[in-house]
Amino acid sequence: MNTKKDNTNLMKKFVNYFLQGLLYVLPLGLTIFVIIYLVNQVDGILSPIFTYFLHFTIPGLGLVSMIIIITVFGYIGQTVLGRPIKLVIERLLQKAPLLNMVYTSIRDFMEAFVGKEKKFNQPVLIKISSTSEVERMGFITQNDLTELSIKENMVAVYIPFAYAFSGELYIVPASYVTAVNVSSGEWMKFIISGGITKV
């Protein structure tokens, strides 16, 4: 009888240790997998060029080259040359409305995170209705929507989804919004993690 109980305890310990092992190994393993995947994807784009000119390829060289190329573009964008080049690109894209819509959407989204005028810098709680006590977490992205023929005192609040790089846009009365004294990065991390990460 004791042997059966000992076997049960041993099995419980085994399962417990296995789950604890997953807790340590899975996040690290997935992070390494994502890094290797991204490096391979970028290398896959640039390796044919290196193979053609150098007749050999080095793992990771494509990623390093991509970082250097993007940095050079960033430097050019900050100099006098940047603005004329940007204007030429935008004029060309205006002739293709669909491409222009895709370009401006991606540009504005990227500028919201890394541009000089960051948009996700006002973390807030919003009520969905005046009678509800349930609040959602988000970021004010626009305080004035009158250009869109939306009445005054309405604000645009972006609500990110947990475990995703997407979300929803809500237009709510400004009175429904409560500002919070938390850094934008911590607020975003808390939402994306589904409320698991500590702020």
N, C-alpha and C. Protein backbone atom coordinates (compact mmCIF):
# COMPACT_ATOMS: atom_id res chain seq x y z
N MET A 1 0.84 -1.22 0.00
CA MET A 1 0.00 0.00 0.00
C MET A 1 0.87 1.26 0.00
N ASN A 2 1.93 1.24 0.82
CA ASN A 2 2.85 2.37 0.88
C ASN A 2 3.56 2.58 -0.44
N THR A 3 3.85 1.46 -1.14
CA THR A 3 4.53 1.54 -2.44
C THR A 3 3.68 2.30 -3.45
N LYS A 4 2.37 2.05 -3.43
CA LYS A 4 1.45 2.74 -4.34
C LYS A 4 1.42 4.24 -4.04
N LYS A 5 1.41 4.56 -2.73
CA LYS A 5 1.40 5.97 -2.31
C LYS A 5 2.71 6.66 -2.70
N ASP A 6 3.82 5.93 -2.52
CA ASP A 6 5.12 6.48 -2.90
C ASP A 6 5.21 6.73 -4.40
N ASN A 7 4.65 5.79 -5.18
CA ASN A 7 4.64 5.95 -6.64
C ASN A 7 3.81 7.15 -7.07
N THR A 8 2.67 7.36 -6.37
CA THR A 8 1.80 8.51 -6.67
C THR A 8 2.54 9.82 -6.35
N ASN A 9 3.20 9.87 -5.20
CA ASN A 9 3.96 11.07 -4.80
C ASN A 9 5.10 11.33 -5.77
N LEU A 10 5.77 10.24 -6.18
CA LEU A 10 6.87 10.36 -7.14
C LEU A 10 6.38 10.92 -8.47
N MET A 11 5.20 10.43 -8.91
CA MET A 11 4.61 10.90 -10.17
C MET A 11 4.22 12.38 -10.08
N LYS A 12 3.65 12.77 -8.93
CA LYS A 12 3.27 14.17 -8.72
C LYS A 12 4.51 15.07 -8.75
N LYS A 13 5.58 14.61 -8.11
CA LYS A 13 6.83 15.38 -8.11
C LYS A 13 7.40 15.51 -9.51
N PHE A 14 7.34 14.37 -10.25
CA PHE A 14 7.85 14.37 -11.62
C PHE A 14 7.09 15.39 -12.48
N VAL A 15 5.74 15.36 -12.39
CA VAL A 15 4.90 16.30 -13.16
C VAL A 15 5.20 17.73 -12.74
N ASN A 16 5.34 17.97 -11.44
CA ASN A 16 5.62 19.30 -10.92
C ASN A 16 6.96 19.82 -11.44
N TYR A 17 8.00 18.95 -11.39
CA TYR A 17 9.32 19.36 -11.88
C TYR A 17 9.29 19.60 -13.39
N PHE A 18 8.53 18.76 -14.11
CA PHE A 18 8.41 18.93 -15.55
C PHE A 18 7.78 20.28 -15.89
N LEU A 19 6.68 20.63 -15.19
CA LEU A 19 6.00 21.91 -15.43
C LEU A 19 6.90 23.09 -15.08
N GLN A 20 7.67 22.95 -13.99
CA GLN A 20 8.62 24.01 -13.62
C GLN A 20 9.70 24.14 -14.69
N GLY A 21 10.13 22.99 -15.22
CA GLY A 21 11.12 23.02 -16.30
C GLY A 21 10.59 23.73 -17.53
N LEU A 22 9.31 23.46 -17.86
CA LEU A 22 8.68 24.16 -18.99
C LEU A 22 8.68 25.67 -18.77
N LEU A 23 8.42 26.07 -17.53
CA LEU A 23 8.36 27.49 -17.17
C LEU A 23 9.68 28.18 -17.47
N TYR A 24 10.80 27.47 -17.27
CA TYR A 24 12.11 28.05 -17.53
C TYR A 24 12.54 27.89 -18.99
N VAL A 25 12.28 26.70 -19.55
CA VAL A 25 12.80 26.38 -20.88
C VAL A 25 11.98 27.00 -22.02
N LEU A 26 10.64 26.97 -21.91
CA LEU A 26 9.79 27.39 -23.02
C LEU A 26 9.98 28.86 -23.40
N PRO A 27 9.91 29.82 -22.45
CA PRO A 27 10.12 31.22 -22.85
C PRO A 27 11.49 31.46 -23.49
N LEU A 28 12.53 30.85 -22.88
CA LEU A 28 13.88 31.00 -23.42
C LEU A 28 14.00 30.34 -24.79
N GLY A 29 13.46 29.12 -24.91
CA GLY A 29 13.52 28.39 -26.17
C GLY A 29 12.79 29.11 -27.29
N LEU A 30 11.59 29.63 -26.99
CA LEU A 30 10.81 30.35 -28.01
C LEU A 30 11.51 31.65 -28.41
N THR A 31 12.13 32.32 -27.43
CA THR A 31 12.86 33.56 -27.74
C THR A 31 14.02 33.27 -28.67
N ILE A 32 14.79 32.22 -28.37
CA ILE A 32 15.92 31.83 -29.22
C ILE A 32 15.41 31.43 -30.61
N PHE A 33 14.29 30.68 -30.65
CA PHE A 33 13.70 30.26 -31.93
C PHE A 33 13.33 31.47 -32.78
N VAL A 34 12.68 32.47 -32.16
CA VAL A 34 12.25 33.67 -32.90
C VAL A 34 13.47 34.41 -33.44
N ILE A 35 14.52 34.54 -32.61
CA ILE A 35 15.74 35.24 -33.04
C ILE A 35 16.37 34.51 -34.23
N ILE A 36 16.51 33.17 -34.12
CA ILE A 36 17.10 32.38 -35.21
C ILE A 36 16.24 32.47 -36.47
N TYR A 37 14.91 32.42 -36.28
CA TYR A 37 13.99 32.51 -37.43
C TYR A 37 14.16 33.85 -38.15
N LEU A 38 14.21 34.94 -37.38
CA LEU A 38 14.35 36.27 -37.98
C LEU A 38 15.69 36.42 -38.69
N VAL A 39 16.76 35.92 -38.04
CA VAL A 39 18.09 35.98 -38.66
C VAL A 39 18.09 35.21 -39.98
N ASN A 40 17.50 34.01 -39.98
CA ASN A 40 17.44 33.20 -41.21
C ASN A 40 16.61 33.86 -42.30
N GLN A 41 15.50 34.50 -41.89
CA GLN A 41 14.65 35.17 -42.88
C GLN A 41 15.39 36.33 -43.55
N VAL A 42 16.07 37.14 -42.72
CA VAL A 42 16.82 38.28 -43.27
C VAL A 42 18.00 37.79 -44.10
N ASP A 43 18.69 36.76 -43.60
CA ASP A 43 19.79 36.18 -44.37
C ASP A 43 19.30 35.64 -45.71
N GLY A 44 18.10 35.05 -45.71
CA GLY A 44 17.52 34.51 -46.93
C GLY A 44 17.28 35.57 -47.98
N ILE A 45 17.00 36.80 -47.52
CA ILE A 45 16.76 37.91 -48.46
C ILE A 45 18.08 38.37 -49.09
N LEU A 46 19.11 38.51 -48.24
CA LEU A 46 20.37 39.11 -48.71
C LEU A 46 21.45 38.11 -49.12
N SER A 47 21.32 36.84 -48.69
CA SER A 47 22.39 35.88 -48.98
C SER A 47 22.62 35.66 -50.48
N PRO A 48 21.57 35.67 -51.35
CA PRO A 48 21.85 35.52 -52.79
C PRO A 48 22.77 36.63 -53.33
N ILE A 49 22.65 37.83 -52.77
CA ILE A 49 23.50 38.95 -53.21
C ILE A 49 24.94 38.67 -52.81
N PHE A 50 25.14 38.24 -51.53
CA PHE A 50 26.49 37.95 -51.07
C PHE A 50 27.09 36.77 -51.82
N THR A 51 26.28 35.77 -52.08
CA THR A 51 26.75 34.58 -52.81
C THR A 51 27.19 34.96 -54.22
N TYR A 52 26.45 35.86 -54.84
CA TYR A 52 26.75 36.29 -56.22
C TYR A 52 28.07 37.07 -56.28
N PHE A 53 28.22 38.03 -55.32
CA PHE A 53 29.41 38.89 -55.37
C PHE A 53 30.62 38.28 -54.65
N LEU A 54 30.38 37.63 -53.51
CA LEU A 54 31.50 37.13 -52.71
C LEU A 54 31.74 35.63 -52.88
N HIS A 55 30.77 34.93 -53.49
CA HIS A 55 30.84 33.47 -53.70
C HIS A 55 30.86 32.68 -52.40
N PHE A 56 30.43 33.29 -51.31
CA PHE A 56 30.25 32.58 -50.03
C PHE A 56 29.27 33.36 -49.17
N THR A 57 28.76 32.73 -48.14
CA THR A 57 27.83 33.40 -47.23
C THR A 57 28.19 33.07 -45.79
N ILE A 58 28.00 34.03 -44.90
CA ILE A 58 28.29 33.86 -43.47
C ILE A 58 26.97 34.00 -42.72
N PRO A 59 26.62 33.03 -41.88
CA PRO A 59 25.36 33.15 -41.10
C PRO A 59 25.35 34.44 -40.26
N GLY A 60 24.26 35.18 -40.38
CA GLY A 60 24.14 36.42 -39.62
C GLY A 60 24.61 37.65 -40.36
N LEU A 61 25.34 37.45 -41.47
CA LEU A 61 25.86 38.59 -42.23
C LEU A 61 24.72 39.42 -42.83
N GLY A 62 23.66 38.73 -43.25
CA GLY A 62 22.49 39.42 -43.81
C GLY A 62 21.84 40.33 -42.79
N LEU A 63 21.72 39.85 -41.54
CA LEU A 63 21.10 40.65 -40.47
C LEU A 63 21.95 41.87 -40.16
N VAL A 64 23.26 41.67 -40.05
CA VAL A 64 24.19 42.79 -39.77
C VAL A 64 24.09 43.82 -40.89
N SER A 65 24.08 43.33 -42.13
CA SER A 65 23.98 44.24 -43.29
C SER A 65 22.67 45.00 -43.28
N MET A 66 21.55 44.30 -42.93
CA MET A 66 20.24 44.95 -42.87
C MET A 66 20.23 46.05 -41.82
N ILE A 67 20.82 45.79 -40.66
CA ILE A 67 20.89 46.80 -39.59
C ILE A 67 21.68 48.02 -40.05
N ILE A 68 22.81 47.76 -40.74
CA ILE A 68 23.65 48.87 -41.25
C ILE A 68 22.88 49.67 -42.29
N ILE A 69 22.19 48.98 -43.22
CA ILE A 69 21.43 49.66 -44.28
C ILE A 69 20.33 50.53 -43.68
N ILE A 70 19.57 49.98 -42.72
CA ILE A 70 18.48 50.74 -42.08
C ILE A 70 19.04 51.94 -41.33
N THR A 71 20.20 51.76 -40.65
CA THR A 71 20.83 52.86 -39.92
C THR A 71 21.27 53.97 -40.88
N VAL A 72 21.82 53.58 -42.03
CA VAL A 72 22.24 54.57 -43.05
C VAL A 72 21.03 55.35 -43.54
N PHE A 73 19.91 54.64 -43.81
CA PHE A 73 18.68 55.33 -44.23
C PHE A 73 18.20 56.28 -43.14
N GLY A 74 18.31 55.85 -41.88
CA GLY A 74 17.92 56.71 -40.76
C GLY A 74 18.77 57.96 -40.70
N TYR A 75 20.08 57.80 -40.96
CA TYR A 75 20.99 58.95 -40.96
C TYR A 75 20.64 59.91 -42.10
N ILE A 76 20.41 59.34 -43.29
CA ILE A 76 20.05 60.17 -44.46
C ILE A 76 18.74 60.91 -44.18
N GLY A 77 17.78 60.21 -43.54
CA GLY A 77 16.49 60.83 -43.23
C GLY A 77 16.59 62.00 -42.28
N GLN A 78 17.65 62.02 -41.45
CA GLN A 78 17.84 63.11 -40.48
C GLN A 78 18.61 64.28 -41.09
N THR A 79 19.19 64.10 -42.29
CA THR A 79 19.98 65.16 -42.92
C THR A 79 19.11 65.95 -43.90
N VAL A 80 19.74 66.89 -44.57
CA VAL A 80 19.04 67.76 -45.54
C VAL A 80 18.49 66.94 -46.70
N LEU A 81 19.16 65.85 -47.06
CA LEU A 81 18.72 65.02 -48.20
C LEU A 81 17.41 64.30 -47.91
N GLY A 82 17.15 64.02 -46.64
CA GLY A 82 16.01 63.18 -46.26
C GLY A 82 14.67 63.72 -46.72
N ARG A 83 14.41 65.02 -46.48
CA ARG A 83 13.09 65.58 -46.79
C ARG A 83 12.77 65.56 -48.29
N PRO A 84 13.69 65.97 -49.19
CA PRO A 84 13.37 65.90 -50.63
C PRO A 84 13.09 64.47 -51.09
N ILE A 85 13.87 63.50 -50.59
CA ILE A 85 13.66 62.10 -50.99
C ILE A 85 12.29 61.63 -50.53
N LYS A 86 11.92 61.98 -49.28
CA LYS A 86 10.61 61.60 -48.73
C LYS A 86 9.48 62.21 -49.55
N LEU A 87 9.64 63.49 -49.95
CA LEU A 87 8.61 64.16 -50.76
C LEU A 87 8.44 63.51 -52.12
N VAL A 88 9.56 63.12 -52.75
CA VAL A 88 9.51 62.46 -54.06
C VAL A 88 8.76 61.13 -53.95
N ILE A 89 9.10 60.34 -52.91
CA ILE A 89 8.44 59.04 -52.69
C ILE A 89 6.94 59.23 -52.49
N GLU A 90 6.58 60.22 -51.65
CA GLU A 90 5.16 60.44 -51.34
C GLU A 90 4.39 60.95 -52.56
N ARG A 91 5.02 61.77 -53.41
CA ARG A 91 4.36 62.23 -54.65
C ARG A 91 4.12 61.09 -55.61
N LEU A 92 5.11 60.20 -55.72
CA LEU A 92 4.96 59.03 -56.60
C LEU A 92 3.84 58.12 -56.10
N LEU A 93 3.77 57.93 -54.79
CA LEU A 93 2.76 57.05 -54.21
C LEU A 93 1.35 57.64 -54.30
N GLN A 94 1.25 58.97 -54.37
CA GLN A 94 -0.07 59.61 -54.50
C GLN A 94 -0.74 59.23 -55.82
N LYS A 95 0.06 58.84 -56.81
CA LYS A 95 -0.49 58.42 -58.10
C LYS A 95 -1.06 57.00 -58.05
N ALA A 96 -0.74 56.28 -56.96
CA ALA A 96 -1.28 54.92 -56.76
C ALA A 96 -1.96 54.90 -55.39
N PRO A 97 -3.26 55.27 -55.35
CA PRO A 97 -3.96 55.45 -54.08
C PRO A 97 -3.90 54.26 -53.13
N LEU A 98 -3.99 53.04 -53.68
CA LEU A 98 -3.98 51.85 -52.83
C LEU A 98 -2.61 51.69 -52.15
N LEU A 99 -1.54 51.83 -52.95
CA LEU A 99 -0.18 51.74 -52.39
C LEU A 99 0.06 52.87 -51.39
N ASN A 100 -0.46 54.05 -51.70
CA ASN A 100 -0.29 55.19 -50.81
C ASN A 100 -0.97 54.94 -49.45
N MET A 101 -2.15 54.31 -49.49
CA MET A 101 -2.87 54.02 -48.26
C MET A 101 -2.07 53.04 -47.39
N VAL A 102 -1.52 52.00 -48.03
CA VAL A 102 -0.71 51.01 -47.31
C VAL A 102 0.54 51.68 -46.73
N TYR A 103 1.21 52.47 -47.56
CA TYR A 103 2.45 53.15 -47.13
C TYR A 103 2.20 54.09 -45.96
N THR A 104 1.19 54.95 -46.08
CA THR A 104 0.93 55.94 -45.02
C THR A 104 0.46 55.27 -43.73
N SER A 105 -0.31 54.20 -43.85
CA SER A 105 -0.77 53.47 -42.66
C SER A 105 0.42 52.88 -41.90
N ILE A 106 1.32 52.21 -42.64
CA ILE A 106 2.50 51.62 -42.01
C ILE A 106 3.41 52.70 -41.45
N ARG A 107 3.61 53.78 -42.22
CA ARG A 107 4.48 54.89 -41.77
C ARG A 107 3.95 55.50 -40.48
N ASP A 108 2.65 55.81 -40.46
CA ASP A 108 2.06 56.43 -39.28
C ASP A 108 2.11 55.51 -38.06
N PHE A 109 1.89 54.20 -38.32
CA PHE A 109 1.94 53.23 -37.22
C PHE A 109 3.35 53.14 -36.64
N MET A 110 4.36 53.12 -37.53
CA MET A 110 5.76 53.06 -37.07
C MET A 110 6.14 54.34 -36.33
N GLU A 111 5.71 55.49 -36.86
CA GLU A 111 6.03 56.77 -36.21
C GLU A 111 5.38 56.88 -34.84
N ALA A 112 4.23 56.21 -34.67
CA ALA A 112 3.56 56.22 -33.37
C ALA A 112 4.42 55.57 -32.29
N PHE A 113 5.25 54.59 -32.71
CA PHE A 113 6.11 53.88 -31.76
C PHE A 113 7.50 54.49 -31.65
N VAL A 114 8.11 54.80 -32.82
CA VAL A 114 9.52 55.21 -32.79
C VAL A 114 9.78 56.60 -33.36
N GLY A 115 8.76 57.28 -33.83
CA GLY A 115 8.95 58.62 -34.39
C GLY A 115 9.15 59.68 -33.32
N LYS A 116 9.41 60.90 -33.78
CA LYS A 116 9.60 62.01 -32.84
C LYS A 116 8.32 62.33 -32.08
N GLU A 117 7.18 62.19 -32.76
CA GLU A 117 5.89 62.45 -32.11
C GLU A 117 5.20 61.12 -31.81
N LYS A 118 5.64 60.48 -30.74
CA LYS A 118 5.07 59.18 -30.37
C LYS A 118 3.61 59.33 -29.98
N LYS A 119 2.77 58.41 -30.47
CA LYS A 119 1.32 58.49 -30.21
C LYS A 119 0.90 57.66 -29.00
N PHE A 120 1.61 56.57 -28.73
CA PHE A 120 1.22 55.71 -27.61
C PHE A 120 1.90 56.17 -26.33
N ASN A 121 1.68 57.43 -25.97
CA ASN A 121 2.33 57.98 -24.78
C ASN A 121 1.33 58.50 -23.75
N GLN A 122 0.03 58.19 -23.97
CA GLN A 122 -1.00 58.60 -23.02
C GLN A 122 -1.81 57.39 -22.57
N PRO A 123 -1.27 56.60 -21.63
CA PRO A 123 -2.02 55.43 -21.17
C PRO A 123 -3.25 55.84 -20.38
N VAL A 124 -4.38 55.17 -20.66
CA VAL A 124 -5.65 55.53 -20.01
C VAL A 124 -6.49 54.29 -19.72
N LEU A 125 -7.45 54.49 -18.84
CA LEU A 125 -8.54 53.53 -18.64
C LEU A 125 -9.78 54.16 -19.24
N ILE A 126 -10.60 53.39 -19.96
CA ILE A 126 -11.84 53.96 -20.51
C ILE A 126 -13.04 53.12 -20.10
N LYS A 127 -14.14 53.84 -19.85
CA LYS A 127 -15.42 53.17 -19.63
C LYS A 127 -16.08 52.95 -20.98
N ILE A 128 -16.71 51.80 -21.14
CA ILE A 128 -17.39 51.51 -22.40
C ILE A 128 -18.73 52.24 -22.46
N SER A 129 -19.37 52.43 -21.30
CA SER A 129 -20.63 53.18 -21.24
C SER A 129 -20.72 53.88 -19.89
N SER A 130 -21.64 54.83 -19.79
CA SER A 130 -21.76 55.62 -18.55
C SER A 130 -22.27 54.78 -17.39
N THR A 131 -22.99 53.71 -17.68
CA THR A 131 -23.55 52.87 -16.60
C THR A 131 -22.63 51.71 -16.21
N SER A 132 -21.67 51.39 -17.08
CA SER A 132 -20.80 50.25 -16.82
C SER A 132 -19.66 50.61 -15.86
N GLU A 133 -19.33 49.69 -14.99
CA GLU A 133 -18.17 49.87 -14.13
C GLU A 133 -16.94 49.15 -14.68
N VAL A 134 -17.12 48.45 -15.79
CA VAL A 134 -16.01 47.76 -16.44
C VAL A 134 -15.20 48.78 -17.24
N GLU A 135 -13.87 48.70 -17.10
CA GLU A 135 -12.99 49.62 -17.83
C GLU A 135 -12.01 48.83 -18.68
N ARG A 136 -11.60 49.44 -19.80
CA ARG A 136 -10.61 48.82 -20.67
C ARG A 136 -9.34 49.66 -20.65
N MET A 137 -8.21 49.00 -20.94
CA MET A 137 -6.92 49.68 -20.92
C MET A 137 -6.53 50.04 -22.35
N GLY A 138 -6.04 51.26 -22.54
CA GLY A 138 -5.64 51.67 -23.87
C GLY A 138 -4.78 52.91 -23.87
N PHE A 139 -4.71 53.56 -25.04
CA PHE A 139 -3.90 54.76 -25.22
C PHE A 139 -4.69 55.79 -26.03
N ILE A 140 -4.70 57.03 -25.59
CA ILE A 140 -5.31 58.10 -26.40
C ILE A 140 -4.38 58.34 -27.59
N THR A 141 -4.95 58.30 -28.81
CA THR A 141 -4.16 58.55 -30.00
C THR A 141 -4.52 59.90 -30.65
N GLN A 142 -5.75 60.38 -30.42
CA GLN A 142 -6.16 61.70 -30.92
C GLN A 142 -7.10 62.35 -29.92
N ASN A 143 -6.83 63.61 -29.60
CA ASN A 143 -7.69 64.35 -28.68
C ASN A 143 -8.75 65.18 -29.40
N ASP A 144 -8.50 65.51 -30.67
CA ASP A 144 -9.42 66.35 -31.43
C ASP A 144 -9.82 65.60 -32.71
N LEU A 145 -11.10 65.28 -32.84
CA LEU A 145 -11.59 64.52 -33.99
C LEU A 145 -12.57 65.32 -34.85
N THR A 146 -12.59 66.63 -34.66
CA THR A 146 -13.55 67.48 -35.38
C THR A 146 -13.29 67.46 -36.90
N GLU A 147 -12.03 67.20 -37.32
CA GLU A 147 -11.73 67.12 -38.75
C GLU A 147 -12.44 65.94 -39.41
N LEU A 148 -12.82 64.95 -38.61
CA LEU A 148 -13.55 63.78 -39.13
C LEU A 148 -15.05 63.94 -38.96
N SER A 149 -15.49 65.17 -38.69
CA SER A 149 -16.91 65.48 -38.46
C SER A 149 -17.46 64.73 -37.24
N ILE A 150 -16.60 64.47 -36.27
CA ILE A 150 -17.02 63.87 -35.00
C ILE A 150 -17.15 64.99 -33.99
N LYS A 151 -18.23 64.96 -33.22
CA LYS A 151 -18.52 66.06 -32.31
C LYS A 151 -17.38 66.29 -31.31
N GLU A 152 -17.37 67.48 -30.73
CA GLU A 152 -16.32 67.85 -29.77
C GLU A 152 -16.40 66.99 -28.51
N ASN A 153 -15.32 67.03 -27.76
CA ASN A 153 -15.19 66.27 -26.50
C ASN A 153 -15.22 64.75 -26.70
N MET A 154 -14.90 64.31 -27.94
CA MET A 154 -14.74 62.87 -28.20
C MET A 154 -13.27 62.63 -28.49
N VAL A 155 -12.74 61.52 -28.00
CA VAL A 155 -11.33 61.20 -28.21
C VAL A 155 -11.20 59.80 -28.82
N ALA A 156 -10.07 59.58 -29.50
CA ALA A 156 -9.78 58.26 -30.07
C ALA A 156 -8.88 57.51 -29.10
N VAL A 157 -9.30 56.30 -28.73
CA VAL A 157 -8.52 55.47 -27.82
C VAL A 157 -8.24 54.14 -28.50
N TYR A 158 -6.96 53.79 -28.57
CA TYR A 158 -6.55 52.52 -29.17
C TYR A 158 -6.43 51.48 -28.07
N ILE A 159 -7.10 50.33 -28.27
CA ILE A 159 -7.10 49.24 -27.30
C ILE A 159 -6.32 48.07 -27.90
N PRO A 160 -5.07 47.84 -27.46
CA PRO A 160 -4.31 46.68 -27.99
C PRO A 160 -4.90 45.37 -27.48
N PHE A 161 -4.74 44.32 -28.26
CA PHE A 161 -5.16 42.98 -27.85
C PHE A 161 -4.02 42.28 -27.12
N ALA A 162 -4.37 41.38 -26.21
CA ALA A 162 -3.36 40.58 -25.52
C ALA A 162 -2.75 39.57 -26.49
N TYR A 163 -1.45 39.36 -26.37
CA TYR A 163 -0.69 38.40 -27.17
C TYR A 163 -0.90 38.60 -28.67
N ALA A 164 -0.94 39.87 -29.09
CA ALA A 164 -1.11 40.17 -30.52
C ALA A 164 -0.58 41.56 -30.80
N PHE A 165 -0.26 41.82 -32.09
CA PHE A 165 0.15 43.15 -32.51
C PHE A 165 -1.00 43.82 -33.25
N SER A 166 -2.17 43.69 -32.69
CA SER A 166 -3.36 44.31 -33.28
C SER A 166 -4.23 44.86 -32.15
N GLY A 167 -5.31 45.50 -32.51
CA GLY A 167 -6.19 46.07 -31.50
C GLY A 167 -7.41 46.69 -32.15
N GLU A 168 -8.16 47.45 -31.36
CA GLU A 168 -9.37 48.13 -31.84
C GLU A 168 -9.30 49.60 -31.48
N LEU A 169 -9.98 50.40 -32.30
CA LEU A 169 -10.05 51.85 -32.05
C LEU A 169 -11.43 52.19 -31.55
N TYR A 170 -11.51 52.86 -30.41
CA TYR A 170 -12.78 53.29 -29.83
C TYR A 170 -12.85 54.81 -29.86
N ILE A 171 -14.03 55.32 -30.20
CA ILE A 171 -14.29 56.76 -30.09
C ILE A 171 -15.23 56.93 -28.90
N VAL A 172 -14.74 57.58 -27.85
CA VAL A 172 -15.52 57.70 -26.61
C VAL A 172 -15.51 59.13 -26.11
N PRO A 173 -16.52 59.50 -25.31
CA PRO A 173 -16.50 60.83 -24.70
C PRO A 173 -15.26 60.99 -23.81
N ALA A 174 -14.67 62.18 -23.81
CA ALA A 174 -13.47 62.44 -23.02
C ALA A 174 -13.72 62.17 -21.53
N SER A 175 -14.99 62.35 -21.09
CA SER A 175 -15.33 62.14 -19.67
C SER A 175 -15.23 60.67 -19.26
N TYR A 176 -15.22 59.75 -20.26
CA TYR A 176 -15.10 58.32 -19.97
C TYR A 176 -13.65 57.89 -19.75
N VAL A 177 -12.73 58.82 -20.02
CA VAL A 177 -11.31 58.48 -20.01
C VAL A 177 -10.66 58.93 -18.70
N THR A 178 -9.86 58.03 -18.12
CA THR A 178 -9.10 58.35 -16.91
C THR A 178 -7.63 58.13 -17.19
N ALA A 179 -6.82 59.19 -17.06
CA ALA A 179 -5.38 59.07 -17.27
C ALA A 179 -4.76 58.29 -16.12
N VAL A 180 -3.72 57.54 -16.42
CA VAL A 180 -3.02 56.77 -15.38
C VAL A 180 -1.55 57.16 -15.35
N ASN A 181 -0.97 57.13 -14.16
CA ASN A 181 0.42 57.55 -13.99
C ASN A 181 1.36 56.34 -14.08
N VAL A 182 1.44 55.78 -15.30
CA VAL A 182 2.29 54.62 -15.57
C VAL A 182 3.01 54.87 -16.89
N SER A 183 4.23 54.39 -17.03
CA SER A 183 4.95 54.59 -18.29
C SER A 183 4.24 53.82 -19.41
N SER A 184 4.32 54.38 -20.62
CA SER A 184 3.64 53.77 -21.78
C SER A 184 4.14 52.35 -22.04
N GLY A 185 5.45 52.15 -21.90
CA GLY A 185 6.02 50.83 -22.15
C GLY A 185 5.49 49.78 -21.19
N GLU A 186 5.43 50.13 -19.90
CA GLU A 186 4.91 49.20 -18.90
C GLU A 186 3.43 48.92 -19.13
N TRP A 187 2.67 49.95 -19.50
CA TRP A 187 1.23 49.83 -19.77
C TRP A 187 0.99 48.88 -20.94
N MET A 188 1.75 49.09 -22.04
CA MET A 188 1.61 48.25 -23.23
C MET A 188 1.98 46.81 -22.91
N LYS A 189 3.07 46.63 -22.16
CA LYS A 189 3.53 45.28 -21.80
C LYS A 189 2.47 44.56 -20.96
N PHE A 190 1.83 45.28 -20.06
CA PHE A 190 0.79 44.71 -19.19
C PHE A 190 -0.41 44.25 -20.01
N ILE A 191 -0.82 45.09 -21.00
CA ILE A 191 -1.98 44.75 -21.84
C ILE A 191 -1.65 43.54 -22.71
N ILE A 192 -0.50 43.59 -23.41
CA ILE A 192 -0.15 42.53 -24.36
C ILE A 192 0.03 41.19 -23.64
N SER A 193 0.50 41.23 -22.40
CA SER A 193 0.71 39.98 -21.66
C SER A 193 -0.59 39.44 -21.07
N GLY A 194 -1.71 40.13 -21.31
CA GLY A 194 -2.99 39.69 -20.77
C GLY A 194 -3.10 39.95 -19.27
N GLY A 195 -2.31 40.93 -18.76
CA GLY A 195 -2.38 41.28 -17.36
C GLY A 195 -1.52 40.43 -16.46
N ILE A 196 -0.69 39.59 -17.07
CA ILE A 196 0.16 38.69 -16.27
C ILE A 196 1.43 39.40 -15.78
N THR A 197 2.05 40.19 -16.66
CA THR A 197 3.28 40.89 -16.30
C THR A 197 3.01 41.94 -15.24
N LYS A 198 3.90 42.03 -14.26
CA LYS A 198 3.76 43.04 -13.21
C LYS A 198 4.25 44.38 -13.72
N VAL A 199 3.49 45.45 -13.37
CA VAL A 199 3.88 46.81 -13.79
C VAL A 199 4.82 47.38 -12.74
